[in-house]
């Protein structure tokens, strides 16, 4: 499904920073950035990815920080506080 169609269906661009323990050095943390279109607030695509991670990868998850934003929004109107004239 194209990105535009997904956004019109309510998906948002979602970015997650995943911190995980290195398999060979469990005292060290590594950062992984994941980005995909997903539905807030349940985030089914991210949850599916994290389930895959826990089931198939050796790096144990430490924390996940999620941010999402709608890219297609209704237009906004602002009034100017200053009116300038040029002679």
PDB file of N, CA and C in Angstrom:
ATOM      1  N   UNK A   1       0.857  -1.174   0.000  1.00  0.00           N
ATOM      2  CA  UNK A   1       0.000   0.000   0.000  1.00  0.00           C
ATOM      3  C   UNK A   1       0.902   1.237   0.000  1.00  0.00           C
ATOM      4  N   UNK A   2       0.595   2.205  -0.802  1.00  0.00           N
ATOM      5  CA  UNK A   2       1.436   3.397  -0.881  1.00  0.00           C
ATOM      6  C   UNK A   2       1.308   4.233   0.389  1.00  0.00           C
ATOM      7  N   UNK A   3       2.326   5.051   0.639  1.00  0.00           N
ATOM      8  CA  UNK A   3       2.350   5.890   1.833  1.00  0.00           C
ATOM      9  C   UNK A   3       1.185   6.860   1.901  1.00  0.00           C
ATOM     10  N   UNK A   4       0.799   7.443   0.770  1.00  0.00           N
ATOM     11  CA  UNK A   4      -0.307   8.407   0.760  1.00  0.00           C
ATOM     12  C   UNK A   4      -1.621   7.738   1.142  1.00  0.00           C
ATOM     13  N   UNK A   5      -1.888   6.583   0.565  1.00  0.00           N
ATOM     14  CA  UNK A   5      -3.130   5.869   0.880  1.00  0.00           C
ATOM     15  C   UNK A   5      -3.155   5.472   2.349  1.00  0.00           C
ATOM     16  N   UNK A   6      -2.027   5.021   2.872  1.00  0.00           N
ATOM     17  CA  UNK A   6      -1.969   4.644   4.285  1.00  0.00           C
ATOM     18  C   UNK A   6      -2.231   5.850   5.184  1.00  0.00           C
ATOM     19  N   UNK A   7      -1.695   7.014   4.825  1.00  0.00           N
ATOM     20  CA  UNK A   7      -1.919   8.214   5.632  1.00  0.00           C
ATOM     21  C   UNK A   7      -3.380   8.627   5.602  1.00  0.00           C
ATOM     22  N   UNK A   8      -4.007   8.489   4.460  1.00  0.00           N
ATOM     23  CA  UNK A   8      -5.424   8.820   4.366  1.00  0.00           C
ATOM     24  C   UNK A   8      -6.281   7.841   5.163  1.00  0.00           C
ATOM     25  N   UNK A   9      -5.785   6.627   5.375  1.00  0.00           N
ATOM     26  CA  UNK A   9      -6.491   5.627   6.181  1.00  0.00           C
ATOM     27  C   UNK A   9      -6.228   5.783   7.674  1.00  0.00           C
ATOM     28  N   UNK A  10      -5.466   6.807   8.077  1.00  0.00           N
ATOM     29  CA  UNK A  10      -5.245   7.064   9.494  1.00  0.00           C
ATOM     30  C   UNK A  10      -3.882   6.663  10.022  1.00  0.00           C
ATOM     31  N   UNK A  11      -3.015   6.156   9.158  1.00  0.00           N
ATOM     32  CA  UNK A  11      -1.669   5.795   9.600  1.00  0.00           C
ATOM     33  C   UNK A  11      -0.841   7.053   9.812  1.00  0.00           C
ATOM     34  N   UNK A  12       0.117   6.965  10.710  1.00  0.00           N
ATOM     35  CA  UNK A  12       1.030   8.074  10.982  1.00  0.00           C
ATOM     36  C   UNK A  12       2.464   7.593  10.775  1.00  0.00           C
ATOM     37  N   UNK A  13       3.339   8.511  10.421  1.00  0.00           N
ATOM     38  CA  UNK A  13       4.741   8.174  10.352  1.00  0.00           C
ATOM     39  C   UNK A  13       5.232   7.992  11.784  1.00  0.00           C
ATOM     40  N   UNK A  14       5.694   6.810  12.109  1.00  0.00           N
ATOM     41  CA  UNK A  14       6.094   6.465  13.469  1.00  0.00           C
ATOM     42  C   UNK A  14       7.579   6.151  13.491  1.00  0.00           C
ATOM     43  N   UNK A  15       8.272   6.740  14.435  1.00  0.00           N
ATOM     44  CA  UNK A  15       9.693   6.500  14.620  1.00  0.00           C
ATOM     45  C   UNK A  15       9.904   5.952  16.024  1.00  0.00           C
ATOM     46  N   UNK A  16      10.688   4.888  16.136  1.00  0.00           N
ATOM     47  CA  UNK A  16      10.981   4.298  17.436  1.00  0.00           C
ATOM     48  C   UNK A  16      12.495   4.179  17.592  1.00  0.00           C
ATOM     49  N   UNK A  17      12.984   4.623  18.742  1.00  0.00           N
ATOM     50  CA  UNK A  17      14.386   4.394  19.092  1.00  0.00           C
ATOM     51  C   UNK A  17      14.397   3.192  20.022  1.00  0.00           C
ATOM     52  N   UNK A  18      15.064   2.138  19.584  1.00  0.00           N
ATOM     53  CA  UNK A  18      15.111   0.894  20.337  1.00  0.00           C
ATOM     54  C   UNK A  18      16.506   0.753  20.920  1.00  0.00           C
ATOM     55  N   UNK A  19      16.586   0.686  22.243  1.00  0.00           N
ATOM     56  CA  UNK A  19      17.853   0.426  22.915  1.00  0.00           C
ATOM     57  C   UNK A  19      17.875  -1.046  23.300  1.00  0.00           C
ATOM     58  N   UNK A  20      18.980  -1.710  22.979  1.00  0.00           N
ATOM     59  CA  UNK A  20      19.087  -3.135  23.284  1.00  0.00           C
ATOM     60  C   UNK A  20      20.491  -3.464  23.770  1.00  0.00           C
ATOM     61  N   UNK A  21      20.592  -4.558  24.519  1.00  0.00           N
ATOM     62  CA  UNK A  21      21.877  -5.022  25.037  1.00  0.00           C
ATOM     63  C   UNK A  21      22.605  -5.794  23.946  1.00  0.00           C
ATOM     64  N   UNK A  22      23.895  -5.521  23.799  1.00  0.00           N
ATOM     65  CA  UNK A  22      24.692  -6.271  22.836  1.00  0.00           C
ATOM     66  C   UNK A  22      24.812  -7.714  23.317  1.00  0.00           C
ATOM     67  N   UNK A  23      24.650  -8.695  22.439  1.00  0.00           N
ATOM     68  CA  UNK A  23      24.698 -10.096  22.868  1.00  0.00           C
ATOM     69  C   UNK A  23      26.041 -10.489  23.491  1.00  0.00           C
ATOM     70  N   UNK A  24      27.152 -10.007  22.927  1.00  0.00           N
ATOM     71  CA  UNK A  24      28.474 -10.376  23.433  1.00  0.00           C
ATOM     72  C   UNK A  24      28.895  -9.558  24.642  1.00  0.00           C
ATOM     73  N   UNK A  25      28.327  -8.370  24.813  1.00  0.00           N
ATOM     74  CA  UNK A  25      28.661  -7.468  25.922  1.00  0.00           C
ATOM     75  C   UNK A  25      27.358  -6.943  26.527  1.00  0.00           C
ATOM     76  N   UNK A  26      26.697  -7.711  27.403  1.00  0.00           N
ATOM     77  CA  UNK A  26      25.378  -7.310  27.908  1.00  0.00           C
ATOM     78  C   UNK A  26      25.379  -6.008  28.696  1.00  0.00           C
ATOM     79  N   UNK A  27      26.544  -5.539  29.132  1.00  0.00           N
ATOM     80  CA  UNK A  27      26.609  -4.280  29.867  1.00  0.00           C
ATOM     81  C   UNK A  27      26.542  -3.059  28.960  1.00  0.00           C
ATOM     82  N   UNK A  28      26.669  -3.244  27.646  1.00  0.00           N
ATOM     83  CA  UNK A  28      26.641  -2.140  26.689  1.00  0.00           C
ATOM     84  C   UNK A  28      25.292  -2.090  25.972  1.00  0.00           C
ATOM     85  N   UNK A  29      24.843  -0.872  25.704  1.00  0.00           N
ATOM     86  CA  UNK A  29      23.597  -0.675  24.968  1.00  0.00           C
ATOM     87  C   UNK A  29      23.891  -0.164  23.563  1.00  0.00           C
ATOM     88  N   UNK A  30      23.109  -0.628  22.622  1.00  0.00           N
ATOM     89  CA  UNK A  30      23.195  -0.187  21.234  1.00  0.00           C
ATOM     90  C   UNK A  30      21.853   0.437  20.864  1.00  0.00           C
ATOM     91  N   UNK A  31      21.862   1.421  19.993  1.00  0.00           N
ATOM     92  CA  UNK A  31      20.642   2.092  19.564  1.00  0.00           C
ATOM     93  C   UNK A  31      20.288   1.672  18.143  1.00  0.00           C
ATOM     94  N   UNK A  32      18.992   1.451  17.906  1.00  0.00           N
ATOM     95  CA  UNK A  32      18.481   1.114  16.583  1.00  0.00           C
ATOM     96  C   UNK A  32      17.280   2.014  16.322  1.00  0.00           C
ATOM     97  N   UNK A  33      17.235   2.653  15.161  1.00  0.00           N
ATOM     98  CA  UNK A  33      16.124   3.526  14.799  1.00  0.00           C
ATOM     99  C   UNK A  33      15.239   2.787  13.792  1.00  0.00           C
ATOM    100  N   UNK A  34      13.951   2.699  14.109  1.00  0.00           N
ATOM    101  CA  UNK A  34      12.949   2.039  13.268  1.00  0.00           C
ATOM    102  C   UNK A  34      11.936   3.085  12.840  1.00  0.00           C
ATOM    103  N   UNK A  35      11.544   3.076  11.558  1.00  0.00           N
ATOM    104  CA  UNK A  35      10.569   4.050  11.071  1.00  0.00           C
ATOM    105  C   UNK A  35       9.651   3.383  10.054  1.00  0.00           C
ATOM    106  N   UNK A  36       8.341   3.570  10.259  1.00  0.00           N
ATOM    107  CA  UNK A  36       7.338   2.955   9.391  1.00  0.00           C
ATOM    108  C   UNK A  36       6.013   3.665   9.617  1.00  0.00           C
ATOM    109  N   UNK A  37       5.061   3.503   8.700  1.00  0.00           N
ATOM    110  CA  UNK A  37       3.709   4.011   8.916  1.00  0.00           C
ATOM    111  C   UNK A  37       2.984   3.047   9.841  1.00  0.00           C
ATOM    112  N   UNK A  38       2.326   3.588  10.879  1.00  0.00           N
ATOM    113  CA  UNK A  38       1.661   2.761  11.876  1.00  0.00           C
ATOM    114  C   UNK A  38       0.448   3.493  12.434  1.00  0.00           C
ATOM    115  N   UNK A  39      -0.447   2.774  13.069  1.00  0.00           N
ATOM    116  CA  UNK A  39      -1.669   3.337  13.645  1.00  0.00           C
ATOM    117  C   UNK A  39      -1.464   3.616  15.128  1.00  0.00           C
ATOM    118  N   UNK A  40      -1.599   4.878  15.525  1.00  0.00           N
ATOM    119  CA  UNK A  40      -1.520   5.239  16.940  1.00  0.00           C
ATOM    120  C   UNK A  40      -2.905   5.054  17.541  1.00  0.00           C
ATOM    121  N   UNK A  41      -3.070   4.720  18.773  1.00  0.00           N
ATOM    122  CA  UNK A  41      -2.085   4.477  19.817  1.00  0.00           C
ATOM    123  C   UNK A  41      -1.713   3.016  19.993  1.00  0.00           C
ATOM    124  N   UNK A  42      -2.280   2.098  19.207  1.00  0.00           N
ATOM    125  CA  UNK A  42      -1.991   0.669  19.432  1.00  0.00           C
ATOM    126  C   UNK A  42      -0.685   0.210  18.779  1.00  0.00           C
ATOM    127  N   UNK A  43      -0.251   0.862  17.715  1.00  0.00           N
ATOM    128  CA  UNK A  43       0.996   0.568  17.008  1.00  0.00           C
ATOM    129  C   UNK A  43       1.144  -0.920  16.659  1.00  0.00           C
ATOM    130  N   UNK A  44       0.242  -1.485  15.863  1.00  0.00           N
ATOM    131  CA  UNK A  44       0.330  -2.917  15.549  1.00  0.00           C
ATOM    132  C   UNK A  44       1.575  -3.297  14.738  1.00  0.00           C
ATOM    133  N   UNK A  45       2.025  -2.430  13.838  1.00  0.00           N
ATOM    134  CA  UNK A  45       3.206  -2.737  13.019  1.00  0.00           C
ATOM    135  C   UNK A  45       4.450  -2.769  13.905  1.00  0.00           C
ATOM    136  N   UNK A  46       4.587  -1.802  14.805  1.00  0.00           N
ATOM    137  CA  UNK A  46       5.729  -1.772  15.726  1.00  0.00           C
ATOM    138  C   UNK A  46       5.692  -2.977  16.662  1.00  0.00           C
ATOM    139  N   UNK A  47       4.524  -3.317  17.176  1.00  0.00           N
ATOM    140  CA  UNK A  47       4.413  -4.475  18.065  1.00  0.00           C
ATOM    141  C   UNK A  47       4.816  -5.763  17.350  1.00  0.00           C
ATOM    142  N   UNK A  48       4.399  -5.909  16.095  1.00  0.00           N
ATOM    143  CA  UNK A  48       4.781  -7.090  15.312  1.00  0.00           C
ATOM    144  C   UNK A  48       6.304  -7.141  15.128  1.00  0.00           C
ATOM    145  N   UNK A  49       6.923  -5.974  14.867  1.00  0.00           N
ATOM    146  CA  UNK A  49       8.370  -5.924  14.713  1.00  0.00           C
ATOM    147  C   UNK A  49       9.069  -6.290  16.024  1.00  0.00           C
ATOM    148  N   UNK A  50       8.577  -5.758  17.145  1.00  0.00           N
ATOM    149  CA  UNK A  50       9.204  -6.061  18.440  1.00  0.00           C
ATOM    150  C   UNK A  50       9.016  -7.531  18.826  1.00  0.00           C
ATOM    151  N   UNK A  51       7.873  -8.114  18.486  1.00  0.00           N
ATOM    152  CA  UNK A  51       7.676  -9.550  18.730  1.00  0.00           C
ATOM    153  C   UNK A  51       8.662 -10.372  17.911  1.00  0.00           C
ATOM    154  N   UNK A  52       8.871  -9.974  16.643  1.00  0.00           N
ATOM    155  CA  UNK A  52       9.876 -10.647  15.807  1.00  0.00           C
ATOM    156  C   UNK A  52      11.259 -10.515  16.436  1.00  0.00           C
ATOM    157  N   UNK A  53      11.588  -9.320  16.906  1.00  0.00           N
ATOM    158  CA  UNK A  53      12.893  -9.061  17.523  1.00  0.00           C
ATOM    159  C   UNK A  53      13.106 -10.003  18.699  1.00  0.00           C
ATOM    160  N   UNK A  54      12.140 -10.049  19.619  1.00  0.00           N
ATOM    161  CA  UNK A  54      12.292 -10.869  20.816  1.00  0.00           C
ATOM    162  C   UNK A  54      12.362 -12.359  20.492  1.00  0.00           C
ATOM    163  N   UNK A  55      11.684 -12.789  19.442  1.00  0.00           N
ATOM    164  CA  UNK A  55      11.681 -14.198  19.102  1.00  0.00           C
ATOM    165  C   UNK A  55      12.863 -14.668  18.279  1.00  0.00           C
ATOM    166  N   UNK A  56      13.497 -13.762  17.508  1.00  0.00           N
ATOM    167  CA  UNK A  56      14.506 -14.202  16.546  1.00  0.00           C
ATOM    168  C   UNK A  56      15.894 -13.584  16.708  1.00  0.00           C
ATOM    169  N   UNK A  57      16.015 -12.487  17.429  1.00  0.00           N
ATOM    170  CA  UNK A  57      17.309 -11.820  17.541  1.00  0.00           C
ATOM    171  C   UNK A  57      17.886 -12.010  18.945  1.00  0.00           C
ATOM    172  N   UNK A  58      19.218 -11.964  19.036  1.00  0.00           N
ATOM    173  CA  UNK A  58      19.890 -12.214  20.309  1.00  0.00           C
ATOM    174  C   UNK A  58      19.924 -11.009  21.232  1.00  0.00           C
ATOM    175  N   UNK A  59      19.877  -9.811  20.702  1.00  0.00           N
ATOM    176  CA  UNK A  59      19.974  -8.608  21.535  1.00  0.00           C
ATOM    177  C   UNK A  59      18.711  -8.410  22.370  1.00  0.00           C
ATOM    178  N   UNK A  60      18.853  -8.475  23.699  1.00  0.00           N
ATOM    179  CA  UNK A  60      17.707  -8.307  24.596  1.00  0.00           C
ATOM    180  C   UNK A  60      17.305  -6.830  24.640  1.00  0.00           C
ATOM    181  N   UNK A  61      16.002  -6.565  24.506  1.00  0.00           N
ATOM    182  CA  UNK A  61      15.506  -5.190  24.497  1.00  0.00           C
ATOM    183  C   UNK A  61      15.682  -4.532  25.861  1.00  0.00           C
ATOM    184  N   UNK A  62      16.088  -3.266  25.831  1.00  0.00           N
ATOM    185  CA  UNK A  62      16.202  -2.474  27.056  1.00  0.00           C
ATOM    186  C   UNK A  62      15.041  -1.502  27.166  1.00  0.00           C
ATOM    187  N   UNK A  63      14.828  -0.688  26.108  1.00  0.00           N
ATOM    188  CA  UNK A  63      13.737   0.280  26.115  1.00  0.00           C
ATOM    189  C   UNK A  63      13.390   0.675  24.688  1.00  0.00           C
ATOM    190  N   UNK A  64      12.160   1.179  24.533  1.00  0.00           N
ATOM    191  CA  UNK A  64      11.679   1.644  23.241  1.00  0.00           C
ATOM    192  C   UNK A  64      11.023   3.003  23.451  1.00  0.00           C
ATOM    193  N   UNK A  65      11.484   4.007  22.718  1.00  0.00           N
ATOM    194  CA  UNK A  65      10.907   5.344  22.753  1.00  0.00           C
ATOM    195  C   UNK A  65      10.222   5.592  21.419  1.00  0.00           C
ATOM    196  N   UNK A  66       8.931   5.953  21.469  1.00  0.00           N
ATOM    197  CA  UNK A  66       8.128   6.070  20.252  1.00  0.00           C
ATOM    198  C   UNK A  66       7.672   7.511  20.057  1.00  0.00           C
ATOM    199  N   UNK A  67       7.744   7.971  18.830  1.00  0.00           N
ATOM    200  CA  UNK A  67       7.205   9.267  18.447  1.00  0.00           C
ATOM    201  C   UNK A  67       6.458   9.105  17.138  1.00  0.00           C
ATOM    202  N   UNK A  68       5.320   9.787  17.003  1.00  0.00           N
ATOM    203  CA  UNK A  68       4.576   9.699  15.747  1.00  0.00           C
ATOM    204  C   UNK A  68       3.955  11.047  15.438  1.00  0.00           C
ATOM    205  N   UNK A  69       3.753  11.279  14.157  1.00  0.00           N
ATOM    206  CA  UNK A  69       3.175  12.553  13.726  1.00  0.00           C
ATOM    207  C   UNK A  69       2.349  12.326  12.468  1.00  0.00           C
ATOM    208  N   UNK A  70       1.227  13.005  12.419  1.00  0.00           N
ATOM    209  CA  UNK A  70       0.432  12.999  11.190  1.00  0.00           C
ATOM    210  C   UNK A  70       1.122  13.899  10.178  1.00  0.00           C
ATOM    211  N   UNK A  71       1.297  13.403   8.987  1.00  0.00           N
ATOM    212  CA  UNK A  71       1.927  14.206   7.943  1.00  0.00           C
ATOM    213  C   UNK A  71       0.884  14.948   7.124  1.00  0.00           C
ATOM    214  N   UNK A  72      -0.302  14.380   7.003  1.00  0.00           N
ATOM    215  CA  UNK A  72      -1.391  15.033   6.291  1.00  0.00           C
ATOM    216  C   UNK A  72      -2.373  15.523   7.342  1.00  0.00           C
ATOM    217  N   UNK A  73      -2.512  16.824   7.453  1.00  0.00           N
ATOM    218  CA  UNK A  73      -3.399  17.424   8.457  1.00  0.00           C
ATOM    219  C   UNK A  73      -4.261  18.484   7.791  1.00  0.00           C
ATOM    220  N   UNK A  74      -5.354  18.851   8.424  1.00  0.00           N
ATOM    221  CA  UNK A  74      -6.154  19.956   7.883  1.00  0.00           C
ATOM    222  C   UNK A  74      -5.351  21.250   7.885  1.00  0.00           C
ATOM    223  N   UNK A  75      -5.641  22.117   6.971  1.00  0.00           N
ATOM    224  CA  UNK A  75      -4.958  23.402   6.904  1.00  0.00           C
ATOM    225  C   UNK A  75      -5.228  24.243   8.138  1.00  0.00           C
ATOM    226  N   UNK A  76      -4.317  25.144   8.434  1.00  0.00           N
ATOM    227  CA  UNK A  76      -4.506  26.022   9.590  1.00  0.00           C
ATOM    228  C   UNK A  76      -4.496  27.478   9.121  1.00  0.00           C
ATOM    229  N   UNK A  77      -5.158  28.301   9.886  1.00  0.00           N
ATOM    230  CA  UNK A  77      -5.265  29.714   9.567  1.00  0.00           C
ATOM    231  C   UNK A  77      -4.719  30.507  10.738  1.00  0.00           C
ATOM    232  N   UNK A  78      -3.830  31.442  10.438  1.00  0.00           N
ATOM    233  CA  UNK A  78      -3.270  32.300  11.482  1.00  0.00           C
ATOM    234  C   UNK A  78      -3.513  33.745  11.109  1.00  0.00           C
ATOM    235  N   UNK A  79      -3.803  34.552  12.115  1.00  0.00           N
ATOM    236  CA  UNK A  79      -3.969  35.985  11.903  1.00  0.00           C
ATOM    237  C   UNK A  79      -2.660  36.687  12.256  1.00  0.00           C
ATOM    238  N   UNK A  80      -2.285  37.635  11.429  1.00  0.00           N
ATOM    239  CA  UNK A  80      -1.066  38.393  11.693  1.00  0.00           C
ATOM    240  C   UNK A  80      -1.304  39.389  12.818  1.00  0.00           C
ATOM    241  N   UNK A  81      -0.350  39.497  13.730  1.00  0.00           N
ATOM    242  CA  UNK A  81      -0.439  40.440  14.820  1.00  0.00           C
ATOM    243  C   UNK A  81       0.049  41.831  14.424  1.00  0.00           C
ATOM    244  N   UNK A  82       0.731  41.924  13.284  1.00  0.00           N
ATOM    245  CA  UNK A  82       1.320  43.189  12.852  1.00  0.00           C
ATOM    246  C   UNK A  82       0.871  43.484  11.432  1.00  0.00           C
ATOM    247  N   UNK A  83       0.562  44.740  11.175  1.00  0.00           N
ATOM    248  CA  UNK A  83       0.227  45.166   9.827  1.00  0.00           C
ATOM    249  C   UNK A  83       1.237  46.232   9.436  1.00  0.00           C
ATOM    250  N   UNK A  84       1.984  45.996   8.383  1.00  0.00           N
ATOM    251  CA  UNK A  84       3.000  46.927   7.919  1.00  0.00           C
ATOM    252  C   UNK A  84       2.584  47.514   6.574  1.00  0.00           C
ATOM    253  N   UNK A  85       2.909  48.749   6.348  1.00  0.00           N
ATOM    254  CA  UNK A  85       2.630  49.360   5.048  1.00  0.00           C
ATOM    255  C   UNK A  85       3.920  49.957   4.493  1.00  0.00           C
ATOM    256  N   UNK A  86       4.054  49.884   3.202  1.00  0.00           N
ATOM    257  CA  UNK A  86       5.234  50.381   2.519  1.00  0.00           C
ATOM    258  C   UNK A  86       4.808  51.502   1.574  1.00  0.00           C
ATOM    259  N   UNK A  87       5.425  52.681   1.706  1.00  0.00           N
ATOM    260  CA  UNK A  87       5.045  53.839   0.897  1.00  0.00           C
ATOM    261  C   UNK A  87       5.792  53.849  -0.412  1.00  0.00           C
TER     262      UNK A  87
END
